[in-house]
Amino acid sequence: MVVWAGCSSGRPVEAVSLLGEPLVRPKLYGEQRDRLNDQMLAARADYRANPDNEMAAIWYGRRLSYLGRYHDAIGVYTDGLAAHPESYKLLRHRGHRYITIREFDLALADLSAASELVAGLPDEVEPDGMPNASNIPRSTTKSNIEYHLALAYYLTGDFENALDAWTRCYAYSQSNDDSLVAASYWWYLTLRRLGRDDEADAVLVRITPDMDVIENGDYHGLLLFFKGEISEDELLPSALRGVQASTLSYGVGAWLLLEDRDEESRVWLRRAFVGPWAAFGYIAAEAEMARARPGAN
């Protein structure tokens, strides 16, 4: 997909939404902008000094992505794959950013290849580019590959293939409660979409209020809401903003849709668009709204 030259905001258009709206590169401010830009420049210097190094390419691409330069990141990953065509790590990261720019077929190709390449290999903790409050990485290479593969299937409405990948993701997400709740959330929704409600309820059995969750508190809260252990008022903060707005709004909207409360669902799905457009809840809300359009498949 060709990146447009720009729009009225003066910022480049990085993608087009599933509803046909241009999505401009996010604007960053102050200390956050300076810190992320400095990190990107350091990663770029390392990459230029080591252009054939797999991890140098990965980190340069990741640092570009944190600045919203998704097409630039994809270009770096593509160059890296020319030197390392069987790098499941490069495929995992490029697949993630194809999801971000709504190129789901390309994401599925990359992530499916990564899943095959990593099968049979030992798993390993994946370092965080934007660490959580405890600075403890909570995900692994295998769980991230299957997570993004399952999400790409989910976003296209291919819930059967999504279920297979979520099942694998869940198996790789047993080392801590953050990984467990993230996999459980999407696994639950996928099972419900397939009408396998008893199996979905079984996913909730392991979800308790006292789980050790550091970074996925919104998924944890949504699962407790699905389970009926907290109310909507207890789940939702007084003001929704940022990624949390997209995550919680989509989660409530998806649950209402499954409960056949379509009008209420649409209200919540629209609220997901308050958050950043790269958030998975935002993309999932777009997918739901696009599927609901007259004449959509």
C-alpha atoms as a PDB file:
ATOM      1  CA  MET A   1       0.000   0.000   0.000  1.00  0.00           C
ATOM      2  CA  VAL A   2       1.370   3.433  -0.933  1.00  0.00           C
ATOM      3  CA  VAL A   3       1.555   5.950   1.889  1.00  0.00           C
ATOM      4  CA  TRP A   4      -0.231   9.157   0.987  1.00  0.00           C
ATOM      5  CA  ALA A   5       1.779  12.351   1.021  1.00  0.00           C
ATOM      6  CA  GLY A   6      -0.229  13.812   3.866  1.00  0.00           C
ATOM      7  CA  CYS A   7      -3.534  15.376   4.846  1.00  0.00           C
ATOM      8  CA  SER A   8      -4.941  18.536   6.410  1.00  0.00           C
ATOM      9  CA  SER A   9      -3.115  17.762   9.671  1.00  0.00           C
ATOM     10  CA  GLY A  10       0.217  17.970   7.851  1.00  0.00           C
ATOM     11  CA  ARG A  11       1.116  14.467   9.032  1.00  0.00           C
ATOM     12  CA  PRO A  12       1.573  11.465   6.715  1.00  0.00           C
ATOM     13  CA  VAL A  13      -1.242   8.995   6.273  1.00  0.00           C
ATOM     14  CA  GLU A  14       0.032   5.609   7.434  1.00  0.00           C
ATOM     15  CA  ALA A  15      -3.075   3.542   6.673  1.00  0.00           C
ATOM     16  CA  VAL A  16      -6.720   3.570   5.659  1.00  0.00           C
ATOM     17  CA  SER A  17      -9.223   2.277   8.159  1.00  0.00           C
ATOM     18  CA  LEU A  18     -11.589  -0.607   7.426  1.00  0.00           C
ATOM     19  CA  LEU A  19     -14.280   2.074   7.202  1.00  0.00           C
ATOM     20  CA  GLY A  20     -12.376   4.028   4.552  1.00  0.00           C
ATOM     21  CA  GLU A  21     -10.951   6.787   6.754  1.00  0.00           C
ATOM     22  CA  PRO A  22      -7.336   7.975   6.456  1.00  0.00           C
ATOM     23  CA  LEU A  23      -5.259   7.208   9.547  1.00  0.00           C
ATOM     24  CA  VAL A  24      -2.501   9.751  10.083  1.00  0.00           C
ATOM     25  CA  ARG A  25       0.765   9.221  11.879  1.00  0.00           C
ATOM     26  CA  PRO A  26       0.204   9.952  15.583  1.00  0.00           C
ATOM     27  CA  LYS A  27       1.568  13.187  16.966  1.00  0.00           C
ATOM     28  CA  LEU A  28       3.861  12.837  19.952  1.00  0.00           C
ATOM     29  CA  TYR A  29       4.769  15.553  22.416  1.00  0.00           C
ATOM     30  CA  GLY A  30       7.458  16.637  24.823  1.00  0.00           C
ATOM     31  CA  GLU A  31       9.506  14.158  26.806  1.00  0.00           C
ATOM     32  CA  GLN A  32       7.846  11.111  25.274  1.00  0.00           C
ATOM     33  CA  ARG A  33       8.612  12.286  21.727  1.00  0.00           C
ATOM     34  CA  ASP A  34      12.213  13.127  22.581  1.00  0.00           C
ATOM     35  CA  ARG A  35      12.813   9.840  24.400  1.00  0.00           C
ATOM     36  CA  LEU A  36      11.319   7.699  21.638  1.00  0.00           C
ATOM     37  CA  ASN A  37      13.187   9.623  18.961  1.00  0.00           C
ATOM     38  CA  ASP A  38      16.490   9.273  20.814  1.00  0.00           C
ATOM     39  CA  GLN A  39      15.912   5.530  21.141  1.00  0.00           C
ATOM     40  CA  MET A  40      15.141   5.296  17.438  1.00  0.00           C
ATOM     41  CA  LEU A  41      18.293   7.208  16.493  1.00  0.00           C
ATOM     42  CA  ALA A  42      20.415   4.895  18.644  1.00  0.00           C
ATOM     43  CA  ALA A  43      18.784   1.836  17.063  1.00  0.00           C
ATOM     44  CA  ARG A  44      19.316   3.312  13.595  1.00  0.00           C
ATOM     45  CA  ALA A  45      22.987   3.857  14.298  1.00  0.00           C
ATOM     46  CA  ASP A  46      23.348   0.267  15.457  1.00  0.00           C
ATOM     47  CA  TYR A  47      21.503  -1.009  12.395  1.00  0.00           C
ATOM     48  CA  ARG A  48      23.630   1.032  10.011  1.00  0.00           C
ATOM     49  CA  ALA A  49      26.762  -0.276  11.694  1.00  0.00           C
ATOM     50  CA  ASN A  50      25.423  -3.850  11.535  1.00  0.00           C
ATOM     51  CA  PRO A  51      23.053  -3.990   8.532  1.00  0.00           C
ATOM     52  CA  ASP A  52      23.038  -7.805   8.376  1.00  0.00           C
ATOM     53  CA  ASN A  53      22.346  -8.293  12.086  1.00  0.00           C
ATOM     54  CA  GLU A  54      18.886  -9.759  12.719  1.00  0.00           C
ATOM     55  CA  MET A  55      18.360  -8.145  16.122  1.00  0.00           C
ATOM     56  CA  ALA A  56      19.623  -4.756  14.935  1.00  0.00           C
ATOM     57  CA  ALA A  57      16.935  -4.800  12.231  1.00  0.00           C
ATOM     58  CA  ILE A  58      14.274  -5.872  14.719  1.00  0.00           C
ATOM     59  CA  TRP A  59      15.076  -3.126  17.186  1.00  0.00           C
ATOM     60  CA  TYR A  60      15.318  -0.421  14.547  1.00  0.00           C
ATOM     61  CA  GLY A  61      11.915  -1.491  13.228  1.00  0.00           C
ATOM     62  CA  ARG A  62      10.420  -1.561  16.696  1.00  0.00           C
ATOM     63  CA  ARG A  63      11.725   1.901  17.524  1.00  0.00           C
ATOM     64  CA  LEU A  64      10.309   3.278  14.271  1.00  0.00           C
ATOM     65  CA  SER A  65       6.954   1.694  15.106  1.00  0.00           C
ATOM     66  CA  TYR A  66       6.801   3.377  18.509  1.00  0.00           C
ATOM     67  CA  LEU A  67       7.030   6.674  16.638  1.00  0.00           C
ATOM     68  CA  GLY A  68       4.096   5.648  14.426  1.00  0.00           C
ATOM     69  CA  ARG A  69       6.336   5.161  11.384  1.00  0.00           C
ATOM     70  CA  TYR A  70       4.780   1.825  10.524  1.00  0.00           C
ATOM     71  CA  HIS A  71       5.639   1.713   6.826  1.00  0.00           C
ATOM     72  CA  ASP A  72       9.243   2.628   7.563  1.00  0.00           C
ATOM     73  CA  ALA A  73       9.356  -0.191  10.127  1.00  0.00           C
ATOM     74  CA  ILE A  74       7.924  -2.671   7.633  1.00  0.00           C
ATOM     75  CA  GLY A  75      10.615  -1.620   5.162  1.00  0.00           C
ATOM     76  CA  VAL A  76      13.347  -2.322   7.714  1.00  0.00           C
ATOM     77  CA  TYR A  77      11.867  -5.731   8.532  1.00  0.00           C
ATOM     78  CA  THR A  78      11.632  -6.507   4.814  1.00  0.00           C
ATOM     79  CA  ASP A  79      15.295  -5.630   4.313  1.00  0.00           C
ATOM     80  CA  GLY A  80      16.141  -7.777   7.327  1.00  0.00           C
ATOM     81  CA  LEU A  81      14.254 -10.703   5.861  1.00  0.00           C
ATOM     82  CA  ALA A  82      16.264 -10.429   2.668  1.00  0.00           C
ATOM     83  CA  ALA A  83      19.318 -11.274   4.769  1.00  0.00           C
ATOM     84  CA  HIS A  84      17.468 -13.679   7.112  1.00  0.00           C
ATOM     85  CA  PRO A  85      14.583 -15.185   5.101  1.00  0.00           C
ATOM     86  CA  GLU A  86      13.735 -17.734   7.807  1.00  0.00           C
ATOM     87  CA  SER A  87      13.749 -15.306  10.722  1.00  0.00           C
ATOM     88  CA  TYR A  88      10.512 -16.041  12.568  1.00  0.00           C
ATOM     89  CA  LYS A  89      11.267 -13.033  14.775  1.00  0.00           C
ATOM     90  CA  LEU A  90      11.367 -10.614  11.844  1.00  0.00           C
ATOM     91  CA  LEU A  91       8.225 -12.220  10.413  1.00  0.00           C
ATOM     92  CA  ARG A  92       6.492 -11.871  13.793  1.00  0.00           C
ATOM     93  CA  HIS A  93       7.233  -8.151  13.985  1.00  0.00           C
ATOM     94  CA  ARG A  94       6.422  -7.412  10.341  1.00  0.00           C
ATOM     95  CA  GLY A  95       3.188  -9.383  10.708  1.00  0.00           C
ATOM     96  CA  HIS A  96       2.246  -7.265  13.711  1.00  0.00           C
ATOM     97  CA  ARG A  97       2.722  -4.067  11.750  1.00  0.00           C
ATOM     98  CA  TYR A  98       0.785  -5.383   8.780  1.00  0.00           C
ATOM     99  CA  ILE A  99      -2.096  -5.765  11.246  1.00  0.00           C
ATOM    100  CA  THR A 100      -1.565  -2.167  12.338  1.00  0.00           C
ATOM    101  CA  ILE A 101      -1.914  -0.853   8.761  1.00  0.00           C
ATOM    102  CA  ARG A 102      -4.914  -3.154   8.098  1.00  0.00           C
ATOM    103  CA  GLU A 103      -3.112  -5.438   5.616  1.00  0.00           C
ATOM    104  CA  PHE A 104      -4.466  -8.630   7.131  1.00  0.00           C
ATOM    105  CA  ASP A 105      -3.625 -11.004   4.262  1.00  0.00           C
ATOM    106  CA  LEU A 106       0.030  -9.982   4.441  1.00  0.00           C
ATOM    107  CA  ALA A 107      -0.046 -10.325   8.218  1.00  0.00           C
ATOM    108  CA  LEU A 108      -1.474 -13.828   7.949  1.00  0.00           C
ATOM    109  CA  ALA A 109       1.216 -14.846   5.461  1.00  0.00           C
ATOM    110  CA  ASP A 110       4.029 -13.615   7.713  1.00  0.00           C
ATOM    111  CA  LEU A 111       2.631 -14.937  10.968  1.00  0.00           C
ATOM    112  CA  SER A 112       1.661 -18.318   9.526  1.00  0.00           C
ATOM    113  CA  ALA A 113       5.218 -18.702   8.234  1.00  0.00           C
ATOM    114  CA  ALA A 114       6.599 -17.660  11.623  1.00  0.00           C
ATOM    115  CA  SER A 115       4.371 -20.207  13.373  1.00  0.00           C
ATOM    116  CA  GLU A 116       5.688 -22.994  11.161  1.00  0.00           C
ATOM    117  CA  LEU A 117       9.308 -21.932  11.532  1.00  0.00           C
ATOM    118  CA  VAL A 118       9.194 -21.749  15.320  1.00  0.00           C
ATOM    119  CA  ALA A 119       7.392 -25.070  15.810  1.00  0.00           C
ATOM    120  CA  GLY A 120       9.596 -27.527  17.656  1.00  0.00           C
ATOM    121  CA  LEU A 121      12.045 -24.865  18.834  1.00  0.00           C
ATOM    122  CA  PRO A 122      12.370 -23.876  22.497  1.00  0.00           C
ATOM    123  CA  ASP A 123      10.406 -20.820  23.559  1.00  0.00           C
ATOM    124  CA  GLU A 124      12.073 -17.725  24.966  1.00  0.00           C
ATOM    125  CA  VAL A 125      11.054 -14.529  26.722  1.00  0.00           C
ATOM    126  CA  GLU A 126      10.687 -11.618  24.307  1.00  0.00           C
ATOM    127  CA  PRO A 127      12.247  -8.374  25.574  1.00  0.00           C
ATOM    128  CA  ASP A 128       9.934  -5.397  25.873  1.00  0.00           C
ATOM    129  CA  GLY A 129      10.489  -2.280  23.831  1.00  0.00           C
ATOM    130  CA  MET A 130       8.163  -0.284  26.075  1.00  0.00           C
ATOM    131  CA  PRO A 131       8.548  -1.936  29.499  1.00  0.00           C
ATOM    132  CA  ASN A 132       5.700  -2.256  31.994  1.00  0.00           C
ATOM    133  CA  ALA A 133       5.739  -0.552  35.404  1.00  0.00           C
ATOM    134  CA  SER A 134       7.716  -3.427  36.942  1.00  0.00           C
ATOM    135  CA  ASN A 135      10.133  -3.690  33.996  1.00  0.00           C
ATOM    136  CA  ILE A 136       9.405  -7.420  33.773  1.00  0.00           C
ATOM    137  CA  PRO A 137       8.800  -8.870  30.279  1.00  0.00           C
ATOM    138  CA  ARG A 138       5.627 -10.981  30.335  1.00  0.00           C
ATOM    139  CA  SER A 139       5.403 -12.545  26.872  1.00  0.00           C
ATOM    140  CA  THR A 140       7.405 -15.030  24.819  1.00  0.00           C
ATOM    141  CA  THR A 141       8.319 -15.361  21.172  1.00  0.00           C
ATOM    142  CA  LYS A 142       5.917 -18.264  20.597  1.00  0.00           C
ATOM    143  CA  SER A 143       3.025 -16.696  22.485  1.00  0.00           C
ATOM    144  CA  ASN A 144       3.456 -13.455  20.527  1.00  0.00           C
ATOM    145  CA  ILE A 145       3.559 -15.218  17.164  1.00  0.00           C
ATOM    146  CA  GLU A 146       0.374 -17.163  17.892  1.00  0.00           C
ATOM    147  CA  TYR A 147      -1.296 -14.142  19.523  1.00  0.00           C
ATOM    148  CA  HIS A 148      -0.844 -11.964  16.466  1.00  0.00           C
ATOM    149  CA  LEU A 149      -1.694 -14.797  14.068  1.00  0.00           C
ATOM    150  CA  ALA A 150      -4.899 -15.529  15.974  1.00  0.00           C
ATOM    151  CA  LEU A 151      -5.768 -11.830  16.082  1.00  0.00           C
ATOM    152  CA  ALA A 152      -5.298 -11.473  12.322  1.00  0.00           C
ATOM    153  CA  TYR A 153      -7.700 -14.371  11.736  1.00  0.00           C
ATOM    154  CA  TYR A 154     -10.146 -12.908  14.267  1.00  0.00           C
ATOM    155  CA  LEU A 155     -10.113  -9.515  12.572  1.00  0.00           C
ATOM    156  CA  THR A 156     -10.946 -11.094   9.211  1.00  0.00           C
ATOM    157  CA  GLY A 157     -13.856 -13.009  10.754  1.00  0.00           C
ATOM    158  CA  ASP A 158     -12.164 -16.398  10.303  1.00  0.00           C
ATOM    159  CA  PHE A 159     -13.017 -17.569  13.800  1.00  0.00           C
ATOM    160  CA  GLU A 160     -12.288 -21.258  13.189  1.00  0.00           C
ATOM    161  CA  ASN A 161      -8.653 -20.611  12.302  1.00  0.00           C
ATOM    162  CA  ALA A 162      -8.474 -17.967  15.015  1.00  0.00           C
ATOM    163  CA  LEU A 163      -9.567 -20.584  17.544  1.00  0.00           C
ATOM    164  CA  ASP A 164      -6.764 -22.944  16.556  1.00  0.00           C
ATOM    165  CA  ALA A 165      -4.186 -20.187  16.982  1.00  0.00           C
ATOM    166  CA  TRP A 166      -5.666 -18.924  20.262  1.00  0.00           C
ATOM    167  CA  THR A 167      -5.526 -22.472  21.591  1.00  0.00           C
ATOM    168  CA  ARG A 168      -1.816 -22.621  20.783  1.00  0.00           C
ATOM    169  CA  CYS A 169      -1.307 -19.124  22.191  1.00  0.00           C
ATOM    170  CA  TYR A 170      -3.009 -20.136  25.446  1.00  0.00           C
ATOM    171  CA  ALA A 171      -0.692 -23.140  25.747  1.00  0.00           C
ATOM    172  CA  TYR A 172       2.309 -20.804  25.467  1.00  0.00           C
ATOM    173  CA  SER A 173       0.825 -18.304  27.959  1.00  0.00           C
ATOM    174  CA  GLN A 174       1.045 -20.247  31.197  1.00  0.00           C
ATOM    175  CA  SER A 175       4.132 -18.624  32.728  1.00  0.00           C
ATOM    176  CA  ASN A 176       2.368 -15.576  34.197  1.00  0.00           C
ATOM    177  CA  ASP A 177      -1.076 -14.080  34.675  1.00  0.00           C
ATOM    178  CA  ASP A 178      -0.577 -11.217  32.212  1.00  0.00           C
ATOM    179  CA  SER A 179      -0.083 -13.626  29.334  1.00  0.00           C
ATOM    180  CA  LEU A 180      -2.882 -15.834  30.626  1.00  0.00           C
ATOM    181  CA  VAL A 181      -5.515 -13.083  30.742  1.00  0.00           C
ATOM    182  CA  ALA A 182      -4.540 -11.681  27.316  1.00  0.00           C
ATOM    183  CA  ALA A 183      -4.900 -15.078  25.649  1.00  0.00           C
ATOM    184  CA  SER A 184      -8.015 -15.928  27.664  1.00  0.00           C
ATOM    185  CA  TYR A 185      -9.786 -12.714  26.655  1.00  0.00           C
ATOM    186  CA  TRP A 186      -9.564 -13.260  22.910  1.00  0.00           C
ATOM    187  CA  TRP A 187     -10.014 -17.028  23.252  1.00  0.00           C
ATOM    188  CA  TYR A 188     -13.266 -16.441  25.150  1.00  0.00           C
ATOM    189  CA  LEU A 189     -14.589 -14.022  22.534  1.00  0.00           C
ATOM    190  CA  THR A 190     -13.668 -16.395  19.705  1.00  0.00           C
ATOM    191  CA  LEU A 191     -15.415 -19.348  21.339  1.00  0.00           C
ATOM    192  CA  ARG A 192     -18.520 -17.223  21.879  1.00  0.00           C
ATOM    193  CA  ARG A 193     -18.496 -16.150  18.226  1.00  0.00           C
ATOM    194  CA  LEU A 194     -18.504 -19.828  17.273  1.00  0.00           C
ATOM    195  CA  GLY A 195     -21.433 -20.578  19.588  1.00  0.00           C
ATOM    196  CA  ARG A 196     -19.274 -22.710  21.892  1.00  0.00           C
ATOM    197  CA  ASP A 197     -20.534 -21.017  25.029  1.00  0.00           C
ATOM    198  CA  ASP A 198     -19.826 -23.870  27.457  1.00  0.00           C
ATOM    199  CA  GLU A 199     -16.186 -23.927  26.396  1.00  0.00           C
ATOM    200  CA  ALA A 200     -16.044 -20.142  26.682  1.00  0.00           C
ATOM    201  CA  ASP A 201     -17.398 -20.337  30.238  1.00  0.00           C
ATOM    202  CA  ALA A 202     -14.707 -22.906  31.037  1.00  0.00           C
ATOM    203  CA  VAL A 203     -12.042 -20.372  30.024  1.00  0.00           C
ATOM    204  CA  LEU A 204     -13.330 -18.060  32.767  1.00  0.00           C
ATOM    205  CA  VAL A 205     -12.893 -20.621  35.536  1.00  0.00           C
ATOM    206  CA  ARG A 206      -9.225 -19.697  36.033  1.00  0.00           C
ATOM    207  CA  ILE A 207      -9.944 -15.966  36.114  1.00  0.00           C
ATOM    208  CA  THR A 208     -10.021 -14.612  39.669  1.00  0.00           C
ATOM    209  CA  PRO A 209      -9.805 -11.099  41.159  1.00  0.00           C
ATOM    210  CA  ASP A 210      -6.474 -11.784  42.890  1.00  0.00           C
ATOM    211  CA  MET A 211      -4.415 -12.635  39.797  1.00  0.00           C
ATOM    212  CA  ASP A 212      -0.906 -11.166  39.509  1.00  0.00           C
ATOM    213  CA  VAL A 213      -1.537  -8.840  36.579  1.00  0.00           C
ATOM    214  CA  ILE A 214       0.971  -6.071  35.868  1.00  0.00           C
ATOM    215  CA  GLU A 215       0.153  -4.783  32.388  1.00  0.00           C
ATOM    216  CA  ASN A 216      -3.085  -6.363  31.166  1.00  0.00           C
ATOM    217  CA  GLY A 217      -5.445  -5.039  33.800  1.00  0.00           C
ATOM    218  CA  ASP A 218      -8.081  -4.076  31.232  1.00  0.00           C
ATOM    219  CA  TYR A 219      -8.267  -7.615  29.830  1.00  0.00           C
ATOM    220  CA  HIS A 220      -8.422  -8.943  33.384  1.00  0.00           C
ATOM    221  CA  GLY A 221     -11.260  -6.577  34.220  1.00  0.00           C
ATOM    222  CA  LEU A 222     -13.178  -7.490  31.076  1.00  0.00           C
ATOM    223  CA  LEU A 223     -12.883 -11.196  31.862  1.00  0.00           C
ATOM    224  CA  LEU A 224     -14.221 -10.585  35.370  1.00  0.00           C
ATOM    225  CA  PHE A 225     -17.060  -8.587  33.784  1.00  0.00           C
ATOM    226  CA  PHE A 226     -17.823 -11.442  31.366  1.00  0.00           C
ATOM    227  CA  LYS A 227     -17.825 -13.788  34.353  1.00  0.00           C
ATOM    228  CA  GLY A 228     -20.314 -11.577  36.202  1.00  0.00           C
ATOM    229  CA  GLU A 229     -17.966 -10.886  39.103  1.00  0.00           C
ATOM    230  CA  ILE A 230     -17.804  -7.122  38.551  1.00  0.00           C
ATOM    231  CA  SER A 231     -20.359  -4.690  37.180  1.00  0.00           C
ATOM    232  CA  GLU A 232     -20.007  -2.356  34.235  1.00  0.00           C
ATOM    233  CA  ASP A 233     -19.591   0.547  36.669  1.00  0.00           C
ATOM    234  CA  GLU A 234     -16.778  -1.288  38.468  1.00  0.00           C
ATOM    235  CA  LEU A 235     -15.081  -2.098  35.166  1.00  0.00           C
ATOM    236  CA  LEU A 236     -15.119   1.357  33.628  1.00  0.00           C
ATOM    237  CA  PRO A 237     -13.191   4.422  34.843  1.00  0.00           C
ATOM    238  CA  SER A 238     -14.883   7.797  35.034  1.00  0.00           C
ATOM    239  CA  ALA A 239     -13.181   8.865  31.800  1.00  0.00           C
ATOM    240  CA  LEU A 240     -12.010   6.688  28.936  1.00  0.00           C
ATOM    241  CA  ARG A 241      -8.863   7.735  27.111  1.00  0.00           C
ATOM    242  CA  GLY A 242      -5.876   6.285  25.321  1.00  0.00           C
ATOM    243  CA  VAL A 243      -5.452   2.577  24.627  1.00  0.00           C
ATOM    244  CA  GLN A 244      -7.726   1.811  27.583  1.00  0.00           C
ATOM    245  CA  ALA A 245     -10.606   3.532  25.792  1.00  0.00           C
ATOM    246  CA  SER A 246     -10.239   1.221  22.798  1.00  0.00           C
ATOM    247  CA  THR A 247      -9.685  -1.930  24.843  1.00  0.00           C
ATOM    248  CA  LEU A 248     -12.572  -1.513  27.259  1.00  0.00           C
ATOM    249  CA  SER A 249     -15.005  -0.046  24.743  1.00  0.00           C
ATOM    250  CA  TYR A 250     -14.426  -2.849  22.262  1.00  0.00           C
ATOM    251  CA  GLY A 251     -14.633  -5.489  24.989  1.00  0.00           C
ATOM    252  CA  VAL A 252     -17.988  -4.229  26.252  1.00  0.00           C
ATOM    253  CA  GLY A 253     -19.250  -3.737  22.694  1.00  0.00           C
ATOM    254  CA  ALA A 254     -18.210  -7.250  21.658  1.00  0.00           C
ATOM    255  CA  TRP A 255     -19.918  -8.760  24.722  1.00  0.00           C
ATOM    256  CA  LEU A 256     -23.134  -6.822  24.033  1.00  0.00           C
ATOM    257  CA  LEU A 257     -23.027  -8.052  20.430  1.00  0.00           C
ATOM    258  CA  LEU A 258     -22.769 -11.641  21.667  1.00  0.00           C
ATOM    259  CA  GLU A 259     -25.758 -10.987  23.941  1.00  0.00           C
ATOM    260  CA  ASP A 260     -27.789  -9.823  20.900  1.00  0.00           C
ATOM    261  CA  ARG A 261     -27.914  -6.234  22.176  1.00  0.00           C
ATOM    262  CA  ASP A 262     -26.898  -4.787  18.829  1.00  0.00           C
ATOM    263  CA  GLU A 263     -27.854  -1.141  19.313  1.00  0.00           C
ATOM    264  CA  GLU A 264     -26.005  -0.886  22.622  1.00  0.00           C
ATOM    265  CA  SER A 265     -23.083  -2.722  21.067  1.00  0.00           C
ATOM    266  CA  ARG A 266     -22.722  -0.166  18.290  1.00  0.00           C
ATOM    267  CA  VAL A 267     -22.579   2.664  20.830  1.00  0.00           C
ATOM    268  CA  TRP A 268     -19.663   1.006  22.581  1.00  0.00           C
ATOM    269  CA  LEU A 269     -17.881   0.038  19.390  1.00  0.00           C
ATOM    270  CA  ARG A 270     -17.907   3.686  18.304  1.00  0.00           C
ATOM    271  CA  ARG A 271     -16.418   4.670  21.661  1.00  0.00           C
ATOM    272  CA  ALA A 272     -13.410   2.492  20.848  1.00  0.00           C
ATOM    273  CA  PHE A 273     -12.431   5.122  18.278  1.00  0.00           C
ATOM    274  CA  VAL A 274     -11.515   7.526  21.089  1.00  0.00           C
ATOM    275  CA  GLY A 275      -8.247   5.626  21.528  1.00  0.00           C
ATOM    276  CA  PRO A 276      -5.206   5.406  19.241  1.00  0.00           C
ATOM    277  CA  TRP A 277      -5.925   3.787  15.903  1.00  0.00           C
ATOM    278  CA  ALA A 278      -3.083   1.258  16.272  1.00  0.00           C
ATOM    279  CA  ALA A 279      -4.755  -0.273  19.349  1.00  0.00           C
ATOM    280  CA  PHE A 280      -6.150  -3.760  18.803  1.00  0.00           C
ATOM    281  CA  GLY A 281      -9.498  -2.779  20.319  1.00  0.00           C
ATOM    282  CA  TYR A 282      -9.771   0.075  17.811  1.00  0.00           C
ATOM    283  CA  ILE A 283      -9.006  -2.242  14.879  1.00  0.00           C
ATOM    284  CA  ALA A 284     -11.416  -4.888  16.154  1.00  0.00           C
ATOM    285  CA  ALA A 285     -14.178  -2.287  16.518  1.00  0.00           C
ATOM    286  CA  GLU A 286     -13.540  -1.183  12.932  1.00  0.00           C
ATOM    287  CA  ALA A 287     -13.823  -4.807  11.800  1.00  0.00           C
ATOM    288  CA  GLU A 288     -17.160  -5.238  13.584  1.00  0.00           C
ATOM    289  CA  MET A 289     -18.553  -2.022  12.130  1.00  0.00           C
ATOM    290  CA  ALA A 290     -17.317  -2.897   8.642  1.00  0.00           C
ATOM    291  CA  ARG A 291     -18.932  -6.349   8.793  1.00  0.00           C
ATOM    292  CA  ALA A 292     -22.222  -4.777   9.892  1.00  0.00           C
ATOM    293  CA  ARG A 293     -22.417  -2.508   6.837  1.00  0.00           C
ATOM    294  CA  PRO A 294     -25.115  -3.333   4.288  1.00  0.00           C
ATOM    295  CA  GLY A 295     -23.724  -5.604   1.602  1.00  0.00           C
ATOM    296  CA  ALA A 296     -20.690  -6.638   3.668  1.00  0.00           C
ATOM    297  CA  ASN A 297     -19.732 -10.314   3.569  1.00  0.00           C
END
